[in-house]
Amino acid sequence: KQHMEGILDFYGRGPAKNETPETDACAKLLDGLAGHRLAKTQTIIPAGYPPIDCAARTLTAIHTPEKIITYAPTPLAGKPSWEPFASARSHGPEIIKALLSGFPDYQIVFKPYPNDEPELIKAIVSAGMDHPRFLYVTKGGNHRELYDKTALMVSDFSSTAYTFALSRRQPVVFFSPNESQLPEAARNSAYCIHRNSVGEIAETLEELVSAGRR
């Protein structure tokens, strides 16, 4: 029970002060499993995608983001096949510079995956570290507060783009410099075909700035 409570709490489903045994998620789970062999019994637990559900529940009705643009690219550590399509190594520093130049009233935040290649992160940070409007966020997976304040996200093929767009109802610019060369399987995937539903696709730095301004 303690283990399950810890997991549910991580996803924003932990027990609240006003919960009863009938509404407590952990209590309902344990009650459904009590006295049954898991190999012979299926228990259906209502759930969505926790990072989105949790953020959507905590988002205030009047949500006013600040003048912040967050760059959150796909991590490349251990993903050599994505090198031609992800943006961090080929365009990361240039993206930071373009955003700082193209949006003089905005703070530009770089939010990498914490386990990405240190040298890759360092190269992107170096592109903006001396600029007063640049911020490098190192909180690991704790991005909720940053995303609450972000008005626009720039990403490529990272799942965090949809987590942000759907939970905060804010737009994303998907930077895809090799869009025409995407593998057929990737081009027809749910990720790719729905990008225009939550933002725009930019194939150049100029298109990136232009799409962000719209």
C-alpha atoms as a PDB file:
ATOM      1  CA  LYS A   1       0.000   0.000   0.000  1.00  0.00           C
ATOM      2  CA  GLN A   2       2.780   2.435   0.853  1.00  0.00           C
ATOM      3  CA  HIS A   3       4.487   1.691  -2.464  1.00  0.00           C
ATOM      4  CA  MET A   4       1.281   2.286  -4.440  1.00  0.00           C
ATOM      5  CA  GLU A   5       0.566   5.520  -2.572  1.00  0.00           C
ATOM      6  CA  GLY A   6       4.027   6.774  -3.514  1.00  0.00           C
ATOM      7  CA  ILE A   7       3.431   6.054  -7.193  1.00  0.00           C
ATOM      8  CA  LEU A   8      -0.027   7.631  -7.212  1.00  0.00           C
ATOM      9  CA  ASP A   9       1.264  10.696  -5.365  1.00  0.00           C
ATOM     10  CA  PHE A  10       4.011  11.152  -7.991  1.00  0.00           C
ATOM     11  CA  TYR A  11       1.331  11.367 -10.684  1.00  0.00           C
ATOM     12  CA  GLY A  12      -0.873  13.713  -8.701  1.00  0.00           C
ATOM     13  CA  ARG A  13      -3.293  10.954  -7.707  1.00  0.00           C
ATOM     14  CA  GLY A  14      -2.317  10.681  -4.072  1.00  0.00           C
ATOM     15  CA  PRO A  15      -4.809  10.857  -1.182  1.00  0.00           C
ATOM     16  CA  ALA A  16      -6.273  14.247  -0.384  1.00  0.00           C
ATOM     17  CA  LYS A  17      -7.476  15.381   3.039  1.00  0.00           C
ATOM     18  CA  ASN A  18     -11.143  15.147   2.083  1.00  0.00           C
ATOM     19  CA  GLU A  19     -10.951  11.725   0.411  1.00  0.00           C
ATOM     20  CA  THR A  20     -12.910   8.774   1.721  1.00  0.00           C
ATOM     21  CA  PRO A  21     -12.246   5.052   1.147  1.00  0.00           C
ATOM     22  CA  GLU A  22     -14.757   5.308  -1.695  1.00  0.00           C
ATOM     23  CA  THR A  23     -12.865   8.065  -3.542  1.00  0.00           C
ATOM     24  CA  ASP A  24      -9.247   7.304  -2.611  1.00  0.00           C
ATOM     25  CA  ALA A  25      -7.510   5.901  -5.711  1.00  0.00           C
ATOM     26  CA  CYS A  26      -5.141   3.657  -3.770  1.00  0.00           C
ATOM     27  CA  ALA A  27      -7.904   2.290  -1.543  1.00  0.00           C
ATOM     28  CA  LYS A  28     -10.060   1.512  -4.596  1.00  0.00           C
ATOM     29  CA  LEU A  29      -7.160  -0.266  -6.271  1.00  0.00           C
ATOM     30  CA  LEU A  30      -6.349  -2.410  -3.251  1.00  0.00           C
ATOM     31  CA  ASP A  31     -10.014  -3.230  -2.688  1.00  0.00           C
ATOM     32  CA  GLY A  32     -10.306  -4.447  -6.274  1.00  0.00           C
ATOM     33  CA  LEU A  33      -7.267  -6.681  -5.922  1.00  0.00           C
ATOM     34  CA  ALA A  34      -8.017  -8.064  -2.482  1.00  0.00           C
ATOM     35  CA  GLY A  35      -8.434 -11.824  -2.395  1.00  0.00           C
ATOM     36  CA  HIS A  36      -7.754 -12.315  -6.101  1.00  0.00           C
ATOM     37  CA  ARG A  37      -4.942 -13.930  -8.040  1.00  0.00           C
ATOM     38  CA  LEU A  38      -3.647 -11.457 -10.596  1.00  0.00           C
ATOM     39  CA  ALA A  39      -3.097 -14.299 -13.064  1.00  0.00           C
ATOM     40  CA  LYS A  40      -6.837 -15.030 -13.118  1.00  0.00           C
ATOM     41  CA  THR A  41      -8.409 -11.640 -12.477  1.00  0.00           C
ATOM     42  CA  GLN A  42      -8.325  -8.398 -14.425  1.00  0.00           C
ATOM     43  CA  THR A  43      -8.882  -5.129 -12.609  1.00  0.00           C
ATOM     44  CA  ILE A  44      -9.631  -2.088 -14.755  1.00  0.00           C
ATOM     45  CA  ILE A  45      -8.248   1.137 -13.312  1.00  0.00           C
ATOM     46  CA  PRO A  46      -9.565   4.358 -14.912  1.00  0.00           C
ATOM     47  CA  ALA A  47      -6.595   6.412 -16.057  1.00  0.00           C
ATOM     48  CA  GLY A  48      -5.436   8.728 -18.785  1.00  0.00           C
ATOM     49  CA  TYR A  49      -1.926  10.026 -19.401  1.00  0.00           C
ATOM     50  CA  PRO A  50      -0.857  11.107 -15.884  1.00  0.00           C
ATOM     51  CA  PRO A  51       1.517  13.992 -16.812  1.00  0.00           C
ATOM     52  CA  ILE A  52      -1.289  15.639 -18.801  1.00  0.00           C
ATOM     53  CA  ASP A  53      -4.129  14.772 -16.436  1.00  0.00           C
ATOM     54  CA  CYS A  54      -2.275  16.028 -13.373  1.00  0.00           C
ATOM     55  CA  ALA A  55      -1.304  19.333 -14.981  1.00  0.00           C
ATOM     56  CA  ALA A  56      -4.798  19.887 -16.362  1.00  0.00           C
ATOM     57  CA  ARG A  57      -6.336  19.427 -12.910  1.00  0.00           C
ATOM     58  CA  THR A  58      -3.998  21.922 -11.274  1.00  0.00           C
ATOM     59  CA  LEU A  59      -4.223  24.548 -14.020  1.00  0.00           C
ATOM     60  CA  THR A  60      -6.264  27.525 -12.871  1.00  0.00           C
ATOM     61  CA  ALA A  61      -9.328  28.599 -14.823  1.00  0.00           C
ATOM     62  CA  ILE A  62      -7.670  31.923 -15.612  1.00  0.00           C
ATOM     63  CA  HIS A  63      -4.297  30.822 -16.933  1.00  0.00           C
ATOM     64  CA  THR A  64      -2.062  33.662 -18.074  1.00  0.00           C
ATOM     65  CA  PRO A  65       1.406  32.509 -19.159  1.00  0.00           C
ATOM     66  CA  GLU A  66       4.362  34.842 -18.927  1.00  0.00           C
ATOM     67  CA  LYS A  67       6.582  36.047 -21.753  1.00  0.00           C
ATOM     68  CA  ILE A  68       8.604  32.846 -21.785  1.00  0.00           C
ATOM     69  CA  ILE A  69       9.576  30.620 -24.712  1.00  0.00           C
ATOM     70  CA  THR A  70      10.913  27.200 -23.752  1.00  0.00           C
ATOM     71  CA  TYR A  71      13.129  25.115 -26.009  1.00  0.00           C
ATOM     72  CA  ALA A  72      12.702  21.429 -25.120  1.00  0.00           C
ATOM     73  CA  PRO A  73      14.325  19.197 -27.755  1.00  0.00           C
ATOM     74  CA  THR A  74      14.421  15.440 -28.203  1.00  0.00           C
ATOM     75  CA  PRO A  75      17.286  13.886 -26.214  1.00  0.00           C
ATOM     76  CA  LEU A  76      19.908  12.272 -28.435  1.00  0.00           C
ATOM     77  CA  ALA A  77      21.726  10.107 -25.906  1.00  0.00           C
ATOM     78  CA  GLY A  78      21.449   6.565 -27.222  1.00  0.00           C
ATOM     79  CA  LYS A  79      19.314   7.602 -30.207  1.00  0.00           C
ATOM     80  CA  PRO A  80      21.667   7.724 -33.199  1.00  0.00           C
ATOM     81  CA  SER A  81      18.849   7.018 -35.663  1.00  0.00           C
ATOM     82  CA  TRP A  82      17.217  10.325 -34.753  1.00  0.00           C
ATOM     83  CA  GLU A  83      20.327  12.426 -35.390  1.00  0.00           C
ATOM     84  CA  PRO A  84      19.153  13.636 -38.836  1.00  0.00           C
ATOM     85  CA  PHE A  85      15.748  14.709 -37.549  1.00  0.00           C
ATOM     86  CA  ALA A  86      16.175  15.968 -33.967  1.00  0.00           C
ATOM     87  CA  SER A  87      17.316  19.557 -33.554  1.00  0.00           C
ATOM     88  CA  ALA A  88      19.668  19.698 -30.567  1.00  0.00           C
ATOM     89  CA  ARG A  89      22.988  18.830 -32.180  1.00  0.00           C
ATOM     90  CA  SER A  90      22.446  20.275 -35.643  1.00  0.00           C
ATOM     91  CA  HIS A  91      20.606  23.476 -34.706  1.00  0.00           C
ATOM     92  CA  GLY A  92      20.428  23.772 -30.907  1.00  0.00           C
ATOM     93  CA  PRO A  93      22.763  26.769 -30.422  1.00  0.00           C
ATOM     94  CA  GLU A  94      21.330  28.512 -33.499  1.00  0.00           C
ATOM     95  CA  ILE A  95      17.773  28.039 -32.212  1.00  0.00           C
ATOM     96  CA  ILE A  96      18.667  29.741 -28.939  1.00  0.00           C
ATOM     97  CA  LYS A  97      20.289  32.649 -30.786  1.00  0.00           C
ATOM     98  CA  ALA A  98      17.366  32.994 -33.197  1.00  0.00           C
ATOM     99  CA  LEU A  99      14.833  33.077 -30.353  1.00  0.00           C
ATOM    100  CA  LEU A 100      16.824  35.643 -28.377  1.00  0.00           C
ATOM    101  CA  SER A 101      17.089  37.832 -31.464  1.00  0.00           C
ATOM    102  CA  GLY A 102      13.568  37.308 -32.780  1.00  0.00           C
ATOM    103  CA  PHE A 103      11.718  37.769 -29.489  1.00  0.00           C
ATOM    104  CA  PRO A 104      13.352  40.702 -27.652  1.00  0.00           C
ATOM    105  CA  ASP A 105      10.571  40.892 -25.061  1.00  0.00           C
ATOM    106  CA  TYR A 106      10.713  37.232 -24.077  1.00  0.00           C
ATOM    107  CA  GLN A 107      12.845  35.158 -21.779  1.00  0.00           C
ATOM    108  CA  ILE A 108      14.279  32.150 -23.606  1.00  0.00           C
ATOM    109  CA  VAL A 109      14.526  28.975 -21.527  1.00  0.00           C
ATOM    110  CA  PHE A 110      16.473  25.854 -22.454  1.00  0.00           C
ATOM    111  CA  LYS A 111      14.975  22.739 -20.836  1.00  0.00           C
ATOM    112  CA  PRO A 112      16.904  19.609 -21.901  1.00  0.00           C
ATOM    113  CA  TYR A 113      16.308  16.076 -20.729  1.00  0.00           C
ATOM    114  CA  PRO A 114      18.596  15.636 -17.709  1.00  0.00           C
ATOM    115  CA  ASN A 115      20.147  12.440 -19.072  1.00  0.00           C
ATOM    116  CA  ASP A 116      21.121  13.863 -22.458  1.00  0.00           C
ATOM    117  CA  GLU A 117      24.761  14.114 -23.553  1.00  0.00           C
ATOM    118  CA  PRO A 118      26.595  16.633 -21.316  1.00  0.00           C
ATOM    119  CA  GLU A 119      28.632  18.038 -24.215  1.00  0.00           C
ATOM    120  CA  LEU A 120      25.478  18.568 -26.255  1.00  0.00           C
ATOM    121  CA  ILE A 121      23.809  20.432 -23.404  1.00  0.00           C
ATOM    122  CA  LYS A 122      26.954  22.483 -22.823  1.00  0.00           C
ATOM    123  CA  ALA A 123      27.095  23.597 -26.464  1.00  0.00           C
ATOM    124  CA  ILE A 124      23.520  24.871 -26.363  1.00  0.00           C
ATOM    125  CA  VAL A 125      23.939  26.573 -22.997  1.00  0.00           C
ATOM    126  CA  SER A 126      27.066  28.322 -24.281  1.00  0.00           C
ATOM    127  CA  ALA A 127      25.005  29.939 -27.035  1.00  0.00           C
ATOM    128  CA  GLY A 128      22.963  31.937 -24.545  1.00  0.00           C
ATOM    129  CA  MET A 129      24.749  31.902 -21.199  1.00  0.00           C
ATOM    130  CA  ASP A 130      25.970  35.493 -21.475  1.00  0.00           C
ATOM    131  CA  HIS A 131      22.563  36.869 -22.456  1.00  0.00           C
ATOM    132  CA  PRO A 132      20.393  38.387 -19.671  1.00  0.00           C
ATOM    133  CA  ARG A 133      17.199  36.873 -21.104  1.00  0.00           C
ATOM    134  CA  PHE A 134      18.511  33.301 -21.304  1.00  0.00           C
ATOM    135  CA  LEU A 135      17.810  30.694 -18.642  1.00  0.00           C
ATOM    136  CA  TYR A 136      19.033  27.112 -18.432  1.00  0.00           C
ATOM    137  CA  VAL A 137      16.708  24.964 -16.320  1.00  0.00           C
ATOM    138  CA  THR A 138      18.296  21.980 -14.581  1.00  0.00           C
ATOM    139  CA  LYS A 139      15.395  20.665 -12.494  1.00  0.00           C
ATOM    140  CA  GLY A 140      15.315  17.322 -14.245  1.00  0.00           C
ATOM    141  CA  GLY A 141      11.790  16.011 -14.612  1.00  0.00           C
ATOM    142  CA  ASN A 142      10.224  18.703 -12.400  1.00  0.00           C
ATOM    143  CA  HIS A 143       9.017  20.958 -15.193  1.00  0.00           C
ATOM    144  CA  ARG A 144       5.475  21.700 -14.042  1.00  0.00           C
ATOM    145  CA  GLU A 145       6.124  25.224 -12.771  1.00  0.00           C
ATOM    146  CA  LEU A 146       8.096  26.188 -15.881  1.00  0.00           C
ATOM    147  CA  TYR A 147       5.434  24.891 -18.252  1.00  0.00           C
ATOM    148  CA  ASP A 148       2.745  26.791 -16.338  1.00  0.00           C
ATOM    149  CA  LYS A 149       4.590  30.015 -17.170  1.00  0.00           C
ATOM    150  CA  THR A 150       5.575  29.178 -20.753  1.00  0.00           C
ATOM    151  CA  ALA A 151       3.678  30.923 -23.555  1.00  0.00           C
ATOM    152  CA  LEU A 152       5.276  29.000 -26.433  1.00  0.00           C
ATOM    153  CA  MET A 153       7.306  25.823 -26.674  1.00  0.00           C
ATOM    154  CA  VAL A 154       9.850  25.006 -29.364  1.00  0.00           C
ATOM    155  CA  SER A 155      10.531  21.303 -29.778  1.00  0.00           C
ATOM    156  CA  ASP A 156      11.060  18.723 -32.528  1.00  0.00           C
ATOM    157  CA  PHE A 157       9.963  15.145 -31.841  1.00  0.00           C
ATOM    158  CA  SER A 158       9.921  15.119 -28.058  1.00  0.00           C
ATOM    159  CA  SER A 159       6.761  13.819 -26.377  1.00  0.00           C
ATOM    160  CA  THR A 160       6.967  16.752 -23.983  1.00  0.00           C
ATOM    161  CA  ALA A 161       5.629  18.937 -26.821  1.00  0.00           C
ATOM    162  CA  TYR A 162       2.226  17.271 -26.600  1.00  0.00           C
ATOM    163  CA  THR A 163       2.326  17.094 -22.816  1.00  0.00           C
ATOM    164  CA  PHE A 164       2.794  20.866 -22.785  1.00  0.00           C
ATOM    165  CA  ALA A 165       0.280  21.680 -25.528  1.00  0.00           C
ATOM    166  CA  LEU A 166      -2.544  19.513 -24.235  1.00  0.00           C
ATOM    167  CA  SER A 167      -2.142  20.258 -20.537  1.00  0.00           C
ATOM    168  CA  ARG A 168      -1.451  24.001 -20.786  1.00  0.00           C
ATOM    169  CA  ARG A 169      -3.418  24.690 -23.986  1.00  0.00           C
ATOM    170  CA  GLN A 170      -0.511  26.681 -25.369  1.00  0.00           C
ATOM    171  CA  PRO A 171       1.078  26.353 -28.842  1.00  0.00           C
ATOM    172  CA  VAL A 172       4.183  24.508 -29.969  1.00  0.00           C
ATOM    173  CA  VAL A 173       6.477  25.152 -32.914  1.00  0.00           C
ATOM    174  CA  PHE A 174       7.898  21.842 -34.144  1.00  0.00           C
ATOM    175  CA  PHE A 175      11.328  22.471 -35.667  1.00  0.00           C
ATOM    176  CA  SER A 176      11.937  19.883 -38.379  1.00  0.00           C
ATOM    177  CA  PRO A 177      14.779  20.881 -40.742  1.00  0.00           C
ATOM    178  CA  ASN A 178      14.624  17.538 -42.575  1.00  0.00           C
ATOM    179  CA  GLU A 179      10.855  17.283 -42.768  1.00  0.00           C
ATOM    180  CA  SER A 180      10.866  16.074 -46.378  1.00  0.00           C
ATOM    181  CA  GLN A 181      13.221  13.226 -45.483  1.00  0.00           C
ATOM    182  CA  LEU A 182      11.257  11.785 -42.573  1.00  0.00           C
ATOM    183  CA  PRO A 183      10.833   8.001 -42.770  1.00  0.00           C
ATOM    184  CA  GLU A 184       7.383   6.971 -43.941  1.00  0.00           C
ATOM    185  CA  ALA A 185       6.589   5.339 -40.606  1.00  0.00           C
ATOM    186  CA  ALA A 186       7.448   8.532 -38.737  1.00  0.00           C
ATOM    187  CA  ARG A 187       5.602  10.786 -41.181  1.00  0.00           C
ATOM    188  CA  ASN A 188       2.396   8.776 -40.781  1.00  0.00           C
ATOM    189  CA  SER A 189       2.670   8.381 -37.025  1.00  0.00           C
ATOM    190  CA  ALA A 190       0.137   9.965 -34.679  1.00  0.00           C
ATOM    191  CA  TYR A 191       2.842  12.310 -33.426  1.00  0.00           C
ATOM    192  CA  CYS A 192       3.534  13.798 -36.848  1.00  0.00           C
ATOM    193  CA  ILE A 193       0.076  13.936 -38.337  1.00  0.00           C
ATOM    194  CA  HIS A 194      -1.338  15.878 -35.398  1.00  0.00           C
ATOM    195  CA  ARG A 195       1.368  18.529 -35.082  1.00  0.00           C
ATOM    196  CA  ASN A 196      -0.649  21.194 -36.880  1.00  0.00           C
ATOM    197  CA  SER A 197      -3.472  20.634 -34.409  1.00  0.00           C
ATOM    198  CA  VAL A 198      -1.414  22.064 -31.545  1.00  0.00           C
ATOM    199  CA  GLY A 199       1.016  24.365 -33.374  1.00  0.00           C
ATOM    200  CA  GLU A 200       3.050  24.760 -36.535  1.00  0.00           C
ATOM    201  CA  ILE A 201       5.962  23.071 -38.276  1.00  0.00           C
ATOM    202  CA  ALA A 202       9.094  25.089 -39.111  1.00  0.00           C
ATOM    203  CA  GLU A 203      11.835  23.791 -41.407  1.00  0.00           C
ATOM    204  CA  THR A 204      14.168  26.800 -41.109  1.00  0.00           C
ATOM    205  CA  LEU A 205      15.171  29.238 -38.387  1.00  0.00           C
ATOM    206  CA  GLU A 206      13.355  32.002 -40.253  1.00  0.00           C
ATOM    207  CA  GLU A 207      10.167  29.933 -40.303  1.00  0.00           C
ATOM    208  CA  LEU A 208      10.659  29.167 -36.624  1.00  0.00           C
ATOM    209  CA  VAL A 209      10.649  32.845 -35.653  1.00  0.00           C
ATOM    210  CA  SER A 210       7.804  33.643 -38.039  1.00  0.00           C
ATOM    211  CA  ALA A 211       5.622  30.811 -36.710  1.00  0.00           C
ATOM    212  CA  GLY A 212       6.335  31.846 -33.118  1.00  0.00           C
ATOM    213  CA  ARG A 213       5.207  35.387 -33.800  1.00  0.00           C
ATOM    214  CA  ARG A 214       1.846  34.174 -35.132  1.00  0.00           C
END
